[in-house]
Structure formats: C-alpha cells, structure tokens
Amino acid sequence: MARLFGTDGVRGMANGGLTVELAMQLAGAAATVLAPGHDGRRPVAVVGRDPRASGEMLEAAVTAGLAAAGVDVVSVGVLPTPAVAYLTGEYAADLGVMISASHNPMPDNGIKIFATGGHKLDDAAEDRIEAALRDGTTPARPTGAGVGRVRPADDAADRYLAHLASATTVSLEGVTVVVDCAHGAASHVGPAAMQPPAPE
C-alpha cells in the first residue's frame, strides 16, 4: 500500500480520498504517537485551518478524533500554516494540526501535523503514525471527565501578530504595501500585520 504521508502531510480530494473517517482515524493515531500523556497531564493539540469549504468539515473530524483520544484541543480558526506551527510551541502543545492543501486546487485539502514545539514531523514519526492507523491501533477512549475538551483560542491571531512584529527589524513606515490575500489563510492576519502600530 502506498505511503499515506506525502511531501507535506496527508492530502487528497476532500470527501473523496480524504474522508471524515480518515481524518478522525489519523487524528487518533497522531494522538497515540505524539501525545501519549504519560507524564500525568492532559495532552493538548492546536488545530487550525485555511478557509476552504471542506476545512470546517475536516476540522470537526480532526477535533473529534483528538478529543475522543483524551486530547484537549485549542482551536485557532483560520490562520496560515506558519501560525499554527508557531502557536503549537506558544501554547506548549503536544502536537499541532493544520488543515490546508496550500496551493492545491480548492476541492483538495490536507492534514499537516506538527510535533511539539511546532516542528515538522520527521519520516520516522510519520511512519509510526501510519503504522498506528493501518494496524488499527485504537487510541485510549477515556470517558467522563477524561474526554478531551475543545476551546477557542481568542488570542491566537494577536499572539501570532506579536510574534511577527518582534521577528522583523525593518520598519515599513512611509512605504505603501498592497496585500492581496485572495481570501486565503492569511486574509485576516495579513492586512493586520501591515498596520502601523497604535500610538502610545
């Protein structure tokens, strides 16, 4: 059977090859491998998406798969992929998930998984997740208070914007910048990142 992970996550036509069932199973397998919770605390995952029509559906499936495995989900909404990677570290999460197919056509979608700290998974970690999925390894299914909780991260965009502002040393004062985000994942934070700072 062909390898599930490609160059950058798992991609396919949403509701075709990339089904809700696969998204839930992939999330559960990722929880088993990346967030076993052996240190006694509840594992945490950051989940974000781009604005594709299928993103809401796949976000719900990924979130359900993680919560069913006892992982608390921090939902950051529509943000670019680097934001989800950054916020995975910022929120001290065990893993991050970005639902996006980047430049692929709109009917496609993808699931990108980040390790703790927001780092890209290496091949060995991807292989372990695939093995858990293909072997039918069922993640722990807690009940009652053990079920993962889901909360929106209302400060996610602000945290990412503050990070971007601190990462640049070049002032854009006096420069006219045209930003065409084309309703993409950066359509909200992109223009906000270009705004001059509020006067003190």
N, C-alpha and C. Protein backbone atom coordinates (compact mmCIF):
# COMPACT_ATOMS: atom_id res chain seq x y z
N MET A 1 0.84 -1.17 0.00
CA MET A 1 0.00 0.00 0.00
C MET A 1 0.89 1.24 0.00
N ALA A 2 0.48 2.27 -0.76
CA ALA A 2 1.27 3.49 -0.87
C ALA A 2 1.35 4.22 0.47
N ARG A 3 2.43 4.95 0.63
CA ARG A 3 2.61 5.73 1.85
C ARG A 3 1.54 6.82 1.92
N LEU A 4 0.95 6.99 3.09
CA LEU A 4 -0.12 7.96 3.28
C LEU A 4 0.42 9.38 3.29
N PHE A 5 1.51 9.62 4.02
CA PHE A 5 2.10 10.95 4.11
C PHE A 5 2.87 11.26 2.83
N GLY A 6 2.65 12.46 2.32
CA GLY A 6 3.40 12.92 1.16
C GLY A 6 4.48 13.88 1.58
N THR A 7 4.81 14.81 0.70
CA THR A 7 5.85 15.79 0.98
C THR A 7 5.51 16.64 2.20
N ASP A 8 4.24 16.99 2.32
CA ASP A 8 3.83 17.88 3.42
C ASP A 8 2.45 17.47 3.92
N GLY A 9 2.41 16.41 4.68
CA GLY A 9 1.16 15.95 5.27
C GLY A 9 0.41 14.96 4.41
N VAL A 10 -0.86 14.80 4.72
CA VAL A 10 -1.74 13.87 4.01
C VAL A 10 -2.71 14.71 3.19
N ARG A 11 -2.69 14.51 1.89
CA ARG A 11 -3.54 15.33 1.01
C ARG A 11 -4.40 14.45 0.12
N GLY A 12 -5.50 15.04 -0.35
CA GLY A 12 -6.38 14.36 -1.27
C GLY A 12 -7.62 15.19 -1.50
N MET A 13 -8.51 14.68 -2.35
CA MET A 13 -9.76 15.38 -2.58
C MET A 13 -10.62 15.24 -1.33
N ALA A 14 -11.05 16.36 -0.77
CA ALA A 14 -11.86 16.33 0.44
C ALA A 14 -13.19 15.63 0.16
N ASN A 15 -13.53 14.69 1.03
CA ASN A 15 -14.73 13.87 0.92
C ASN A 15 -14.62 12.85 -0.20
N GLY A 16 -13.44 12.77 -0.82
CA GLY A 16 -13.14 11.74 -1.80
C GLY A 16 -12.14 10.80 -1.16
N GLY A 17 -10.85 11.00 -1.49
CA GLY A 17 -9.81 10.21 -0.83
C GLY A 17 -9.57 10.63 0.61
N LEU A 18 -9.74 11.92 0.87
CA LEU A 18 -9.54 12.45 2.23
C LEU A 18 -10.90 12.58 2.89
N THR A 19 -11.31 11.50 3.54
CA THR A 19 -12.65 11.42 4.12
C THR A 19 -12.65 11.87 5.59
N VAL A 20 -13.85 12.09 6.10
CA VAL A 20 -14.02 12.39 7.52
C VAL A 20 -13.51 11.24 8.37
N GLU A 21 -13.80 10.02 7.93
CA GLU A 21 -13.36 8.85 8.69
C GLU A 21 -11.84 8.78 8.77
N LEU A 22 -11.17 9.04 7.63
CA LEU A 22 -9.71 9.03 7.62
C LEU A 22 -9.17 10.13 8.52
N ALA A 23 -9.78 11.32 8.47
CA ALA A 23 -9.32 12.43 9.30
C ALA A 23 -9.42 12.09 10.78
N MET A 24 -10.52 11.48 11.19
CA MET A 24 -10.69 11.09 12.59
C MET A 24 -9.66 10.04 13.00
N GLN A 25 -9.46 9.03 12.13
CA GLN A 25 -8.51 7.97 12.44
C GLN A 25 -7.08 8.51 12.48
N LEU A 26 -6.76 9.40 11.55
CA LEU A 26 -5.42 9.99 11.51
C LEU A 26 -5.16 10.80 12.78
N ALA A 27 -6.16 11.56 13.22
CA ALA A 27 -6.02 12.35 14.45
C ALA A 27 -5.82 11.43 15.65
N GLY A 28 -6.58 10.35 15.72
CA GLY A 28 -6.42 9.40 16.82
C GLY A 28 -5.05 8.74 16.82
N ALA A 29 -4.57 8.38 15.62
CA ALA A 29 -3.24 7.77 15.51
C ALA A 29 -2.16 8.77 15.91
N ALA A 30 -2.31 10.03 15.49
CA ALA A 30 -1.34 11.06 15.87
C ALA A 30 -1.34 11.26 17.38
N ALA A 31 -2.52 11.22 18.00
CA ALA A 31 -2.60 11.35 19.45
C ALA A 31 -1.88 10.20 20.14
N THR A 32 -2.04 9.00 19.63
CA THR A 32 -1.39 7.83 20.21
C THR A 32 0.13 7.96 20.17
N VAL A 33 0.66 8.46 19.04
CA VAL A 33 2.10 8.53 18.84
C VAL A 33 2.71 9.77 19.50
N LEU A 34 2.05 10.93 19.34
CA LEU A 34 2.66 12.19 19.74
C LEU A 34 2.20 12.72 21.10
N ALA A 35 1.09 12.22 21.61
CA ALA A 35 0.55 12.75 22.87
C ALA A 35 0.06 11.64 23.78
N PRO A 36 0.97 10.73 24.14
CA PRO A 36 0.52 9.61 24.98
C PRO A 36 0.11 10.03 26.39
N GLY A 37 0.54 11.19 26.85
CA GLY A 37 0.12 11.70 28.16
C GLY A 37 0.68 10.91 29.33
N HIS A 38 1.89 10.38 29.18
CA HIS A 38 2.47 9.55 30.25
C HIS A 38 2.92 10.35 31.47
N ASP A 39 3.06 11.67 31.31
CA ASP A 39 3.56 12.45 32.44
C ASP A 39 2.45 12.89 33.40
N GLY A 40 1.26 12.38 33.20
CA GLY A 40 0.17 12.65 34.12
C GLY A 40 -0.66 13.88 33.79
N ARG A 41 -0.23 14.68 32.81
CA ARG A 41 -1.04 15.83 32.45
C ARG A 41 -1.84 15.52 31.19
N ARG A 42 -2.87 16.33 30.98
CA ARG A 42 -3.69 16.13 29.80
C ARG A 42 -2.94 16.63 28.57
N PRO A 43 -2.88 15.84 27.52
CA PRO A 43 -2.23 16.31 26.30
C PRO A 43 -3.06 17.39 25.62
N VAL A 44 -2.37 18.23 24.85
CA VAL A 44 -3.00 19.37 24.19
C VAL A 44 -2.59 19.39 22.72
N ALA A 45 -3.55 19.74 21.85
CA ALA A 45 -3.27 19.91 20.43
C ALA A 45 -3.82 21.25 19.96
N VAL A 46 -3.08 21.92 19.09
CA VAL A 46 -3.54 23.14 18.43
C VAL A 46 -4.08 22.74 17.07
N VAL A 47 -5.27 23.22 16.71
CA VAL A 47 -5.86 22.90 15.41
C VAL A 47 -6.26 24.19 14.70
N GLY A 48 -5.77 24.35 13.47
CA GLY A 48 -6.13 25.49 12.64
C GLY A 48 -6.46 25.03 11.24
N ARG A 49 -6.93 25.96 10.42
CA ARG A 49 -7.32 25.59 9.05
C ARG A 49 -7.24 26.79 8.14
N ASP A 50 -7.31 26.51 6.83
CA ASP A 50 -7.48 27.59 5.87
C ASP A 50 -8.98 27.69 5.54
N PRO A 51 -9.40 28.66 4.72
CA PRO A 51 -10.84 28.88 4.56
C PRO A 51 -11.53 28.04 3.49
N ARG A 52 -10.93 26.95 3.04
CA ARG A 52 -11.61 26.10 2.06
C ARG A 52 -12.95 25.62 2.61
N ALA A 53 -13.89 25.37 1.71
CA ALA A 53 -15.22 24.94 2.12
C ALA A 53 -15.16 23.66 2.93
N SER A 54 -14.24 22.77 2.60
CA SER A 54 -14.15 21.48 3.30
C SER A 54 -13.40 21.58 4.62
N GLY A 55 -12.80 22.75 4.89
CA GLY A 55 -11.99 22.88 6.09
C GLY A 55 -12.79 22.71 7.37
N GLU A 56 -13.99 23.25 7.39
CA GLU A 56 -14.82 23.13 8.60
C GLU A 56 -15.14 21.67 8.90
N MET A 57 -15.49 20.93 7.85
CA MET A 57 -15.82 19.51 7.99
C MET A 57 -14.63 18.72 8.52
N LEU A 58 -13.46 18.94 7.92
CA LEU A 58 -12.28 18.18 8.33
C LEU A 58 -11.78 18.63 9.70
N GLU A 59 -11.94 19.92 10.01
CA GLU A 59 -11.57 20.41 11.34
C GLU A 59 -12.42 19.71 12.40
N ALA A 60 -13.72 19.58 12.12
CA ALA A 60 -14.61 18.90 13.08
C ALA A 60 -14.19 17.45 13.28
N ALA A 61 -13.80 16.78 12.19
CA ALA A 61 -13.40 15.38 12.27
C ALA A 61 -12.09 15.22 13.04
N VAL A 62 -11.11 16.07 12.73
CA VAL A 62 -9.82 16.01 13.43
C VAL A 62 -10.02 16.31 14.91
N THR A 63 -10.81 17.33 15.20
CA THR A 63 -11.08 17.70 16.59
C THR A 63 -11.76 16.56 17.33
N ALA A 64 -12.72 15.92 16.69
CA ALA A 64 -13.41 14.79 17.32
C ALA A 64 -12.45 13.64 17.59
N GLY A 65 -11.57 13.35 16.62
CA GLY A 65 -10.61 12.27 16.80
C GLY A 65 -9.66 12.53 17.94
N LEU A 66 -9.22 13.77 18.08
CA LEU A 66 -8.30 14.13 19.16
C LEU A 66 -9.02 14.10 20.51
N ALA A 67 -10.19 14.72 20.59
CA ALA A 67 -10.92 14.77 21.85
C ALA A 67 -11.32 13.38 22.31
N ALA A 68 -11.67 12.51 21.37
CA ALA A 68 -12.03 11.14 21.71
C ALA A 68 -10.86 10.37 22.29
N ALA A 69 -9.64 10.81 21.96
CA ALA A 69 -8.43 10.18 22.49
C ALA A 69 -7.97 10.85 23.78
N GLY A 70 -8.76 11.79 24.29
CA GLY A 70 -8.42 12.45 25.55
C GLY A 70 -7.52 13.64 25.41
N VAL A 71 -7.42 14.19 24.20
CA VAL A 71 -6.56 15.34 23.94
C VAL A 71 -7.40 16.61 23.98
N ASP A 72 -6.99 17.59 24.76
CA ASP A 72 -7.64 18.90 24.75
C ASP A 72 -7.24 19.64 23.49
N VAL A 73 -8.22 20.24 22.82
CA VAL A 73 -7.97 20.92 21.55
C VAL A 73 -8.09 22.43 21.72
N VAL A 74 -7.07 23.14 21.27
CA VAL A 74 -7.08 24.60 21.22
C VAL A 74 -7.35 24.97 19.76
N SER A 75 -8.54 25.48 19.49
CA SER A 75 -8.95 25.80 18.13
C SER A 75 -8.56 27.24 17.81
N VAL A 76 -7.67 27.42 16.82
CA VAL A 76 -7.18 28.76 16.50
C VAL A 76 -7.86 29.35 15.27
N GLY A 77 -8.75 28.60 14.62
CA GLY A 77 -9.50 29.13 13.49
C GLY A 77 -8.68 29.24 12.23
N VAL A 78 -9.06 30.20 11.38
CA VAL A 78 -8.39 30.38 10.09
C VAL A 78 -7.12 31.21 10.28
N LEU A 79 -5.99 30.55 10.07
CA LEU A 79 -4.68 31.19 10.17
C LEU A 79 -3.73 30.50 9.18
N PRO A 80 -2.65 31.14 8.80
CA PRO A 80 -1.69 30.48 7.91
C PRO A 80 -0.94 29.35 8.62
N THR A 81 -0.41 28.46 7.83
CA THR A 81 0.30 27.30 8.37
C THR A 81 1.43 27.69 9.34
N PRO A 82 2.27 28.70 9.03
CA PRO A 82 3.31 29.05 9.99
C PRO A 82 2.76 29.50 11.34
N ALA A 83 1.56 30.07 11.34
CA ALA A 83 0.94 30.49 12.60
C ALA A 83 0.62 29.28 13.46
N VAL A 84 0.10 28.23 12.85
CA VAL A 84 -0.24 27.02 13.62
C VAL A 84 1.04 26.38 14.16
N ALA A 85 2.09 26.36 13.36
CA ALA A 85 3.37 25.83 13.84
C ALA A 85 3.86 26.66 15.03
N TYR A 86 3.83 27.98 14.90
CA TYR A 86 4.29 28.85 15.99
C TYR A 86 3.43 28.66 17.24
N LEU A 87 2.11 28.65 17.07
CA LEU A 87 1.21 28.55 18.22
C LEU A 87 1.29 27.19 18.91
N THR A 88 1.68 26.16 18.19
CA THR A 88 1.88 24.85 18.82
C THR A 88 2.94 24.96 19.91
N GLY A 89 4.01 25.69 19.61
CA GLY A 89 5.03 25.95 20.63
C GLY A 89 4.58 26.95 21.67
N GLU A 90 3.91 28.00 21.22
CA GLU A 90 3.48 29.08 22.11
C GLU A 90 2.52 28.58 23.19
N TYR A 91 1.63 27.66 22.82
CA TYR A 91 0.68 27.11 23.78
C TYR A 91 1.21 25.84 24.47
N ALA A 92 2.48 25.53 24.25
CA ALA A 92 3.11 24.34 24.84
C ALA A 92 2.30 23.08 24.57
N ALA A 93 1.83 22.96 23.33
CA ALA A 93 1.01 21.81 22.94
C ALA A 93 1.88 20.61 22.57
N ASP A 94 1.28 19.44 22.65
CA ASP A 94 1.99 18.21 22.29
C ASP A 94 2.07 18.02 20.78
N LEU A 95 1.10 18.56 20.08
CA LEU A 95 1.10 18.49 18.62
C LEU A 95 0.23 19.60 18.07
N GLY A 96 0.40 19.87 16.79
CA GLY A 96 -0.42 20.83 16.08
C GLY A 96 -0.93 20.20 14.81
N VAL A 97 -2.10 20.66 14.36
CA VAL A 97 -2.69 20.16 13.12
C VAL A 97 -3.17 21.34 12.30
N MET A 98 -2.70 21.42 11.05
CA MET A 98 -3.16 22.44 10.11
C MET A 98 -3.91 21.75 8.99
N ILE A 99 -5.13 22.20 8.75
CA ILE A 99 -5.95 21.63 7.69
C ILE A 99 -5.87 22.57 6.49
N SER A 100 -5.09 22.18 5.51
CA SER A 100 -4.84 23.00 4.33
C SER A 100 -4.16 22.17 3.26
N ALA A 101 -4.46 22.48 2.02
CA ALA A 101 -3.73 21.86 0.91
C ALA A 101 -2.86 22.88 0.19
N SER A 102 -2.59 23.99 0.88
CA SER A 102 -1.71 25.03 0.34
C SER A 102 -2.18 25.50 -1.03
N HIS A 103 -1.34 25.33 -2.04
CA HIS A 103 -1.64 25.84 -3.38
C HIS A 103 -2.47 24.89 -4.22
N ASN A 104 -2.81 23.71 -3.70
CA ASN A 104 -3.59 22.75 -4.48
C ASN A 104 -4.98 23.31 -4.79
N PRO A 105 -5.66 22.76 -5.79
CA PRO A 105 -7.00 23.26 -6.16
C PRO A 105 -7.98 23.18 -5.00
N MET A 106 -9.01 24.03 -5.04
CA MET A 106 -9.96 24.16 -3.94
C MET A 106 -10.62 22.85 -3.51
N PRO A 107 -10.97 21.92 -4.42
CA PRO A 107 -11.63 20.69 -3.93
C PRO A 107 -10.71 19.82 -3.08
N ASP A 108 -9.40 20.01 -3.18
CA ASP A 108 -8.45 19.24 -2.36
C ASP A 108 -8.38 19.82 -0.96
N ASN A 109 -7.83 19.03 -0.06
CA ASN A 109 -7.48 19.53 1.25
C ASN A 109 -6.38 18.65 1.80
N GLY A 110 -5.88 19.00 2.95
CA GLY A 110 -4.78 18.25 3.53
C GLY A 110 -4.74 18.39 5.03
N ILE A 111 -4.03 17.48 5.66
CA ILE A 111 -3.85 17.49 7.10
C ILE A 111 -2.35 17.45 7.37
N LYS A 112 -1.83 18.56 7.90
CA LYS A 112 -0.42 18.66 8.24
C LYS A 112 -0.30 18.55 9.75
N ILE A 113 0.61 17.75 10.22
CA ILE A 113 0.77 17.52 11.65
C ILE A 113 2.15 18.01 12.09
N PHE A 114 2.16 18.76 13.18
CA PHE A 114 3.40 19.26 13.76
C PHE A 114 3.67 18.56 15.08
N ALA A 115 4.94 18.34 15.37
CA ALA A 115 5.35 17.79 16.66
C ALA A 115 5.38 18.91 17.69
N THR A 116 5.64 18.54 18.93
CA THR A 116 5.74 19.54 19.99
C THR A 116 6.76 20.60 19.59
N GLY A 117 6.48 21.84 19.97
CA GLY A 117 7.34 22.94 19.57
C GLY A 117 7.02 23.47 18.19
N GLY A 118 6.07 22.83 17.49
CA GLY A 118 5.70 23.27 16.15
C GLY A 118 6.63 22.80 15.06
N HIS A 119 7.41 21.76 15.36
CA HIS A 119 8.38 21.26 14.39
C HIS A 119 7.73 20.29 13.40
N LYS A 120 8.23 20.32 12.18
CA LYS A 120 7.77 19.40 11.14
C LYS A 120 8.10 17.97 11.56
N LEU A 121 7.19 17.05 11.31
CA LEU A 121 7.44 15.65 11.66
C LEU A 121 8.55 15.08 10.79
N ASP A 122 9.39 14.26 11.39
CA ASP A 122 10.37 13.54 10.57
C ASP A 122 9.71 12.28 10.02
N ASP A 123 10.40 11.63 9.09
CA ASP A 123 9.82 10.45 8.43
C ASP A 123 9.49 9.34 9.42
N ALA A 124 10.32 9.19 10.44
CA ALA A 124 10.09 8.12 11.42
C ALA A 124 8.79 8.34 12.19
N ALA A 125 8.52 9.58 12.56
CA ALA A 125 7.28 9.89 13.28
C ALA A 125 6.08 9.66 12.37
N GLU A 126 6.19 10.08 11.11
CA GLU A 126 5.10 9.84 10.16
C GLU A 126 4.86 8.35 9.99
N ASP A 127 5.94 7.58 9.92
CA ASP A 127 5.81 6.12 9.78
C ASP A 127 5.11 5.51 10.99
N ARG A 128 5.41 6.01 12.19
CA ARG A 128 4.76 5.48 13.39
C ARG A 128 3.26 5.80 13.39
N ILE A 129 2.92 7.01 12.94
CA ILE A 129 1.50 7.37 12.86
C ILE A 129 0.79 6.51 11.83
N GLU A 130 1.41 6.35 10.68
CA GLU A 130 0.82 5.48 9.64
C GLU A 130 0.64 4.06 10.14
N ALA A 131 1.64 3.54 10.84
CA ALA A 131 1.57 2.17 11.35
C ALA A 131 0.42 2.04 12.35
N ALA A 132 0.27 3.04 13.23
CA ALA A 132 -0.82 3.00 14.20
C ALA A 132 -2.18 3.04 13.50
N LEU A 133 -2.26 3.82 12.42
CA LEU A 133 -3.52 3.91 11.67
C LEU A 133 -3.81 2.61 10.93
N ARG A 134 -2.80 2.09 10.23
CA ARG A 134 -3.02 0.89 9.41
C ARG A 134 -3.21 -0.37 10.25
N ASP A 135 -2.55 -0.42 11.41
CA ASP A 135 -2.69 -1.60 12.28
C ASP A 135 -3.99 -1.58 13.06
N GLY A 136 -4.71 -0.48 12.93
CA GLY A 136 -5.97 -0.37 13.68
C GLY A 136 -5.74 -0.15 15.16
N THR A 137 -4.55 0.38 15.51
CA THR A 137 -4.29 0.67 16.92
C THR A 137 -5.29 1.71 17.39
N THR A 138 -6.11 1.34 18.33
CA THR A 138 -7.13 2.25 18.82
C THR A 138 -6.57 3.06 19.97
N PRO A 139 -6.64 4.38 19.86
CA PRO A 139 -6.16 5.19 20.98
C PRO A 139 -7.04 4.97 22.20
N ALA A 140 -6.52 5.33 23.35
CA ALA A 140 -7.30 5.24 24.58
C ALA A 140 -8.61 5.99 24.38
N ARG A 141 -9.70 5.42 24.88
CA ARG A 141 -11.01 6.07 24.76
C ARG A 141 -11.51 6.42 26.15
N PRO A 142 -11.05 7.53 26.69
CA PRO A 142 -11.49 7.90 28.03
C PRO A 142 -12.98 8.25 28.04
N THR A 143 -13.56 8.21 29.19
CA THR A 143 -14.96 8.58 29.35
C THR A 143 -15.06 9.67 30.42
N GLY A 144 -16.24 10.22 30.56
CA GLY A 144 -16.47 11.24 31.58
C GLY A 144 -15.51 12.41 31.44
N ALA A 145 -14.91 12.78 32.55
CA ALA A 145 -14.01 13.94 32.57
C ALA A 145 -12.72 13.71 31.77
N GLY A 146 -12.48 12.46 31.37
CA GLY A 146 -11.27 12.16 30.61
C GLY A 146 -11.36 12.52 29.15
N VAL A 147 -12.56 12.79 28.65
CA VAL A 147 -12.73 13.16 27.25
C VAL A 147 -12.09 14.53 27.02
N GLY A 148 -11.41 14.67 25.89
CA GLY A 148 -10.76 15.94 25.58
C GLY A 148 -11.76 17.08 25.45
N ARG A 149 -11.36 18.24 25.88
CA ARG A 149 -12.19 19.44 25.78
C ARG A 149 -11.72 20.29 24.60
N VAL A 150 -12.62 21.10 24.07
CA VAL A 150 -12.31 21.95 22.94
C VAL A 150 -12.58 23.39 23.34
N ARG A 151 -11.58 24.25 23.12
CA ARG A 151 -11.78 25.67 23.46
C ARG A 151 -11.20 26.54 22.35
N PRO A 152 -11.90 27.63 22.04
CA PRO A 152 -11.35 28.56 21.05
C PRO A 152 -10.22 29.37 21.67
N ALA A 153 -9.23 29.65 20.87
CA ALA A 153 -8.11 30.49 21.33
C ALA A 153 -8.35 31.89 20.80
N ASP A 154 -9.05 32.70 21.57
CA ASP A 154 -9.41 34.05 21.12
C ASP A 154 -8.20 34.95 20.92
N ASP A 155 -7.08 34.60 21.53
CA ASP A 155 -5.88 35.44 21.41
C ASP A 155 -4.88 34.90 20.39
N ALA A 156 -5.26 33.88 19.62
CA ALA A 156 -4.30 33.23 18.72
C ALA A 156 -3.74 34.21 17.68
N ALA A 157 -4.61 34.94 17.00
CA ALA A 157 -4.14 35.86 15.96
C ALA A 157 -3.27 36.95 16.57
N ASP A 158 -3.66 37.48 17.73
CA ASP A 158 -2.86 38.52 18.38
C ASP A 158 -1.48 38.00 18.76
N ARG A 159 -1.43 36.78 19.26
CA ARG A 159 -0.12 36.20 19.61
C ARG A 159 0.77 36.05 18.38
N TYR A 160 0.17 35.60 17.29
CA TYR A 160 0.95 35.41 16.07
C TYR A 160 1.42 36.76 15.51
N LEU A 161 0.53 37.76 15.53
CA LEU A 161 0.92 39.08 15.04
C LEU A 161 2.04 39.68 15.89
N ALA A 162 1.97 39.50 17.20
CA ALA A 162 3.03 40.00 18.07
C ALA A 162 4.35 39.30 17.75
N HIS A 163 4.28 38.01 17.46
CA HIS A 163 5.48 37.26 17.08
C HIS A 163 6.06 37.81 15.78
N LEU A 164 5.20 38.07 14.79
CA LEU A 164 5.69 38.61 13.52
C LEU A 164 6.33 39.98 13.73
N ALA A 165 5.70 40.81 14.54
CA ALA A 165 6.23 42.15 14.79
C ALA A 165 7.59 42.09 15.47
N SER A 166 7.76 41.13 16.37
CA SER A 166 9.04 41.03 17.08
C SER A 166 10.13 40.38 16.22
N ALA A 167 9.72 39.70 15.16
CA ALA A 167 10.68 38.97 14.33
C ALA A 167 11.31 39.85 13.25
N THR A 168 10.71 41.01 13.00
CA THR A 168 11.25 41.88 11.94
C THR A 168 11.92 43.11 12.55
N THR A 169 12.98 43.53 11.91
CA THR A 169 13.70 44.72 12.38
C THR A 169 13.59 45.86 11.37
N VAL A 170 12.86 45.65 10.29
CA VAL A 170 12.75 46.64 9.22
C VAL A 170 11.43 47.38 9.36
N SER A 171 11.47 48.67 9.45
CA SER A 171 10.28 49.49 9.54
C SER A 171 9.67 49.68 8.15
N LEU A 172 8.36 49.61 8.06
CA LEU A 172 7.67 49.87 6.81
C LEU A 172 7.05 51.27 6.78
N GLU A 173 7.43 52.08 7.76
CA GLU A 173 6.88 53.43 7.83
C GLU A 173 7.19 54.20 6.55
N GLY A 174 6.13 54.81 5.97
CA GLY A 174 6.28 55.57 4.74
C GLY A 174 6.24 54.73 3.48
N VAL A 175 6.11 53.43 3.62
CA VAL A 175 6.08 52.52 2.47
C VAL A 175 4.63 52.11 2.23
N THR A 176 4.21 52.17 0.97
CA THR A 176 2.87 51.70 0.61
C THR A 176 2.96 50.24 0.23
N VAL A 177 2.13 49.43 0.87
CA VAL A 177 2.15 47.99 0.62
C VAL A 177 0.77 47.55 0.16
N VAL A 178 0.71 46.81 -0.93
CA VAL A 178 -0.54 46.25 -1.42
C VAL A 178 -0.57 44.78 -1.03
N VAL A 179 -1.63 44.38 -0.33
CA VAL A 179 -1.76 42.99 0.12
C VAL A 179 -3.00 42.40 -0.52
N ASP A 180 -2.82 41.36 -1.32
CA ASP A 180 -3.96 40.64 -1.91
C ASP A 180 -3.91 39.22 -1.39
N CYS A 181 -4.70 38.95 -0.36
CA CYS A 181 -4.69 37.62 0.26
C CYS A 181 -5.65 36.66 -0.41
N ALA A 182 -6.47 37.16 -1.34
CA ALA A 182 -7.37 36.31 -2.13
C ALA A 182 -8.21 35.37 -1.26
N HIS A 183 -8.66 35.86 -0.14
CA HIS A 183 -9.48 35.06 0.78
C HIS A 183 -8.73 33.84 1.30
N GLY A 184 -7.42 33.89 1.34
CA GLY A 184 -6.61 32.77 1.80
C GLY A 184 -6.49 32.73 3.31
N ALA A 185 -5.64 31.84 3.78
CA ALA A 185 -5.47 31.63 5.22
C ALA A 185 -4.94 32.86 5.94
N ALA A 186 -4.25 33.74 5.21
CA ALA A 186 -3.71 34.96 5.83
C ALA A 186 -4.60 36.17 5.57
N SER A 187 -5.83 35.95 5.11
CA SER A 187 -6.67 37.08 4.72
C SER A 187 -7.05 37.99 5.88
N HIS A 188 -7.00 37.48 7.10
CA HIS A 188 -7.30 38.32 8.26
C HIS A 188 -6.02 38.89 8.88
N VAL A 189 -5.05 38.02 9.12
CA VAL A 189 -3.84 38.49 9.80
C VAL A 189 -2.88 39.20 8.87
N GLY A 190 -2.94 38.93 7.58
CA GLY A 190 -2.04 39.59 6.64
C GLY A 190 -2.19 41.10 6.65
N PRO A 191 -3.39 41.62 6.39
CA PRO A 191 -3.57 43.08 6.45
C PRO A 191 -3.28 43.64 7.83
N ALA A 192 -3.66 42.92 8.88
CA ALA A 192 -3.40 43.41 10.24
C ALA A 192 -1.91 43.52 10.51
N ALA A 193 -1.13 42.62 9.93
CA ALA A 193 0.33 42.66 10.14
C ALA A 193 0.95 43.89 9.50
N MET A 194 0.28 44.46 8.50
CA MET A 194 0.82 45.62 7.79
C MET A 194 0.39 46.95 8.41
N GLN A 195 -0.48 46.91 9.39
CA GLN A 195 -0.96 48.14 10.00
C GLN A 195 0.13 48.78 10.86
N PRO A 196 0.21 50.09 10.85
CA PRO A 196 1.20 50.73 11.73
C PRO A 196 0.80 50.53 13.19
N PRO A 197 1.77 50.49 14.07
CA PRO A 197 1.44 50.32 15.48
C PRO A 197 0.63 51.50 16.00
N ALA A 198 -0.24 51.22 16.94
CA ALA A 198 -1.06 52.28 17.54
C ALA A 198 -0.16 53.22 18.32
N PRO A 199 -0.46 54.52 18.25
CA PRO A 199 0.37 55.47 19.01
C PRO A 199 0.24 55.24 20.51
N GLU A 200 1.34 55.44 21.20
CA GLU A 200 1.32 55.21 22.65
C GLU A 200 0.84 56.43 23.40
